[in-house]
Amino acid sequence: MAENMIVIHVIDREGVQHDLEAPTDMNMNVMEVCKSYELPVEGTCGGMAMCASCQCYLESEHELADQSDDELDMLDQAFFVKENSRLGCQIPISEEIDGIVLRLAPEA
């Protein structure tokens, strides 16, 4: 794989796993990578943690940064929230998440 690339594993709403290559040097987040692969992630608010349409479930043991107040407030209003819910727009693409496994939340 090319330098500055990682793989993220995204399980879609039909249970199919997609192995997505993502650049660590372009300041992208999980929601943007999913959209670039045309996975069904809305990202309606453009990544501002204001819509929850990119909610996903962390299914691997990766340590992510603590959730911001904005992310927690948005998840408080979202449907199908679980303890491992995160907003894809709030997970930056970095070496630390190489191999992460995320499952897309059901559509509200």
C-alpha atoms as a PDB file:
ATOM      1  CA  MET A   1       0.000   0.000   0.000  1.00  0.00           C
ATOM      2  CA  ALA A   2       1.117   3.532  -0.687  1.00  0.00           C
ATOM      3  CA  GLU A   3       2.774   5.665   1.938  1.00  0.00           C
ATOM      4  CA  ASN A   4       0.376   7.774   4.042  1.00  0.00           C
ATOM      5  CA  MET A   5      -2.470   5.290   3.457  1.00  0.00           C
ATOM      6  CA  ILE A   6      -4.398   3.227   5.976  1.00  0.00           C
ATOM      7  CA  VAL A   7      -7.298   0.786   5.669  1.00  0.00           C
ATOM      8  CA  ILE A   8     -10.590   1.242   7.454  1.00  0.00           C
ATOM      9  CA  HIS A   9     -13.174  -1.545   7.482  1.00  0.00           C
ATOM     10  CA  VAL A  10     -16.765  -0.340   7.177  1.00  0.00           C
ATOM     11  CA  ILE A  11     -19.698  -2.741   7.477  1.00  0.00           C
ATOM     12  CA  ASP A  12     -22.695  -1.398   5.563  1.00  0.00           C
ATOM     13  CA  ARG A  13     -26.356  -1.704   6.527  1.00  0.00           C
ATOM     14  CA  GLU A  14     -26.643  -5.030   4.661  1.00  0.00           C
ATOM     15  CA  GLY A  15     -23.766  -6.518   6.670  1.00  0.00           C
ATOM     16  CA  VAL A  16     -21.208  -6.332   3.843  1.00  0.00           C
ATOM     17  CA  GLN A  17     -17.692  -5.300   4.870  1.00  0.00           C
ATOM     18  CA  HIS A  18     -15.901  -2.740   2.696  1.00  0.00           C
ATOM     19  CA  ASP A  19     -12.126  -2.327   3.055  1.00  0.00           C
ATOM     20  CA  LEU A  20     -11.454   1.333   2.275  1.00  0.00           C
ATOM     21  CA  GLU A  21      -8.046   2.839   1.682  1.00  0.00           C
ATOM     22  CA  ALA A  22      -7.791   6.266   3.241  1.00  0.00           C
ATOM     23  CA  PRO A  23      -5.034   8.900   3.038  1.00  0.00           C
ATOM     24  CA  THR A  24      -3.624  10.138   6.336  1.00  0.00           C
ATOM     25  CA  ASP A  25      -2.194  13.305   4.794  1.00  0.00           C
ATOM     26  CA  MET A  26      -5.369  14.955   3.444  1.00  0.00           C
ATOM     27  CA  ASN A  27      -7.108  15.964   6.700  1.00  0.00           C
ATOM     28  CA  MET A  28     -10.106  13.718   5.944  1.00  0.00           C
ATOM     29  CA  ASN A  29     -12.493  12.004   8.342  1.00  0.00           C
ATOM     30  CA  VAL A  30     -14.332   8.663   8.227  1.00  0.00           C
ATOM     31  CA  MET A  31     -17.553  10.227   6.891  1.00  0.00           C
ATOM     32  CA  GLU A  32     -15.702  11.825   3.960  1.00  0.00           C
ATOM     33  CA  VAL A  33     -13.920   8.574   3.109  1.00  0.00           C
ATOM     34  CA  CYS A  34     -17.220   6.659   3.181  1.00  0.00           C
ATOM     35  CA  LYS A  35     -18.794   9.227   0.874  1.00  0.00           C
ATOM     36  CA  SER A  36     -15.825   9.046  -1.518  1.00  0.00           C
ATOM     37  CA  TYR A  37     -16.473   5.286  -1.819  1.00  0.00           C
ATOM     38  CA  GLU A  38     -20.189   6.002  -2.321  1.00  0.00           C
ATOM     39  CA  LEU A  39     -21.273   4.201   0.828  1.00  0.00           C
ATOM     40  CA  PRO A  40     -24.707   5.316   2.089  1.00  0.00           C
ATOM     41  CA  VAL A  41     -23.489   7.965   4.510  1.00  0.00           C
ATOM     42  CA  GLU A  42     -25.370  11.237   4.253  1.00  0.00           C
ATOM     43  CA  GLY A  43     -23.093  13.715   5.981  1.00  0.00           C
ATOM     44  CA  THR A  44     -25.889  16.232   5.538  1.00  0.00           C
ATOM     45  CA  CYS A  45     -24.259  18.870   7.757  1.00  0.00           C
ATOM     46  CA  GLY A  46     -20.881  18.622   6.011  1.00  0.00           C
ATOM     47  CA  GLY A  47     -19.039  17.214   9.008  1.00  0.00           C
ATOM     48  CA  MET A  48     -20.017  19.723  11.686  1.00  0.00           C
ATOM     49  CA  ALA A  49     -21.462  17.129  14.153  1.00  0.00           C
ATOM     50  CA  MET A  50     -24.904  18.607  13.570  1.00  0.00           C
ATOM     51  CA  CYS A  51     -26.955  15.846  11.913  1.00  0.00           C
ATOM     52  CA  ALA A  52     -25.922  12.314  13.044  1.00  0.00           C
ATOM     53  CA  SER A  53     -26.417  10.956   9.504  1.00  0.00           C
ATOM     54  CA  CYS A  54     -22.883   9.494   9.660  1.00  0.00           C
ATOM     55  CA  GLN A  55     -23.407   7.637  12.955  1.00  0.00           C
ATOM     56  CA  CYS A  56     -21.491   4.390  13.152  1.00  0.00           C
ATOM     57  CA  TYR A  57     -20.583   1.806  15.753  1.00  0.00           C
ATOM     58  CA  LEU A  58     -16.971   1.161  16.744  1.00  0.00           C
ATOM     59  CA  GLU A  59     -16.516  -2.610  16.553  1.00  0.00           C
ATOM     60  CA  SER A  60     -12.757  -2.862  17.032  1.00  0.00           C
ATOM     61  CA  GLU A  61     -10.589  -2.137  20.055  1.00  0.00           C
ATOM     62  CA  HIS A  62      -9.177   1.119  18.672  1.00  0.00           C
ATOM     63  CA  GLU A  63      -8.792   3.970  21.125  1.00  0.00           C
ATOM     64  CA  LEU A  64     -10.454   7.082  19.750  1.00  0.00           C
ATOM     65  CA  ALA A  65     -10.250  10.624  21.082  1.00  0.00           C
ATOM     66  CA  ASP A  66     -12.889  11.474  23.659  1.00  0.00           C
ATOM     67  CA  GLN A  67     -16.160  12.660  22.203  1.00  0.00           C
ATOM     68  CA  SER A  68     -16.624  16.410  22.030  1.00  0.00           C
ATOM     69  CA  ASP A  69     -19.623  18.075  23.643  1.00  0.00           C
ATOM     70  CA  ASP A  70     -21.032  18.685  20.149  1.00  0.00           C
ATOM     71  CA  GLU A  71     -20.763  14.994  19.270  1.00  0.00           C
ATOM     72  CA  LEU A  72     -22.331  13.900  22.567  1.00  0.00           C
ATOM     73  CA  ASP A  73     -25.173  16.438  22.174  1.00  0.00           C
ATOM     74  CA  MET A  74     -25.885  15.194  18.636  1.00  0.00           C
ATOM     75  CA  LEU A  75     -25.875  11.546  19.702  1.00  0.00           C
ATOM     76  CA  ASP A  76     -28.318  12.433  22.498  1.00  0.00           C
ATOM     77  CA  GLN A  77     -30.810  13.330  19.758  1.00  0.00           C
ATOM     78  CA  ALA A  78     -30.002  10.521  17.317  1.00  0.00           C
ATOM     79  CA  PHE A  79     -31.803   7.220  16.763  1.00  0.00           C
ATOM     80  CA  PHE A  80     -30.304   3.744  17.385  1.00  0.00           C
ATOM     81  CA  VAL A  81     -27.558   5.106  19.663  1.00  0.00           C
ATOM     82  CA  LYS A  82     -25.406   2.510  21.439  1.00  0.00           C
ATOM     83  CA  GLU A  83     -22.505   2.742  23.889  1.00  0.00           C
ATOM     84  CA  ASN A  84     -20.078   2.403  20.951  1.00  0.00           C
ATOM     85  CA  SER A  85     -21.793   5.028  18.754  1.00  0.00           C
ATOM     86  CA  ARG A  86     -19.596   7.652  17.128  1.00  0.00           C
ATOM     87  CA  LEU A  87     -20.089  10.220  14.395  1.00  0.00           C
ATOM     88  CA  GLY A  88     -17.921   9.366  11.399  1.00  0.00           C
ATOM     89  CA  CYS A  89     -17.259  13.055  10.771  1.00  0.00           C
ATOM     90  CA  GLN A  90     -15.588  13.263  14.189  1.00  0.00           C
ATOM     91  CA  ILE A  91     -13.076  10.459  13.536  1.00  0.00           C
ATOM     92  CA  PRO A  92     -10.048  11.913  11.736  1.00  0.00           C
ATOM     93  CA  ILE A  93      -8.108   9.649   9.392  1.00  0.00           C
ATOM     94  CA  SER A  94      -4.775   8.969  11.093  1.00  0.00           C
ATOM     95  CA  GLU A  95      -2.223   6.182  11.515  1.00  0.00           C
ATOM     96  CA  GLU A  96      -3.799   5.402  14.909  1.00  0.00           C
ATOM     97  CA  ILE A  97      -7.017   4.091  13.347  1.00  0.00           C
ATOM     98  CA  ASP A  98      -5.396   1.806  10.742  1.00  0.00           C
ATOM     99  CA  GLY A  99      -7.511  -1.362  10.623  1.00  0.00           C
ATOM    100  CA  ILE A 100     -10.462   0.126  12.520  1.00  0.00           C
ATOM    101  CA  VAL A 101     -13.811  -1.671  12.129  1.00  0.00           C
ATOM    102  CA  LEU A 102     -16.950   0.477  11.987  1.00  0.00           C
ATOM    103  CA  ARG A 103     -20.557  -0.513  11.298  1.00  0.00           C
ATOM    104  CA  LEU A 104     -22.978   2.012   9.785  1.00  0.00           C
ATOM    105  CA  ALA A 105     -25.951   2.733  12.034  1.00  0.00           C
ATOM    106  CA  PRO A 106     -29.432   2.070  10.622  1.00  0.00           C
ATOM    107  CA  GLU A 107     -31.109   4.973   8.873  1.00  0.00           C
ATOM    108  CA  ALA A 108     -33.551   6.842  11.067  1.00  0.00           C
END
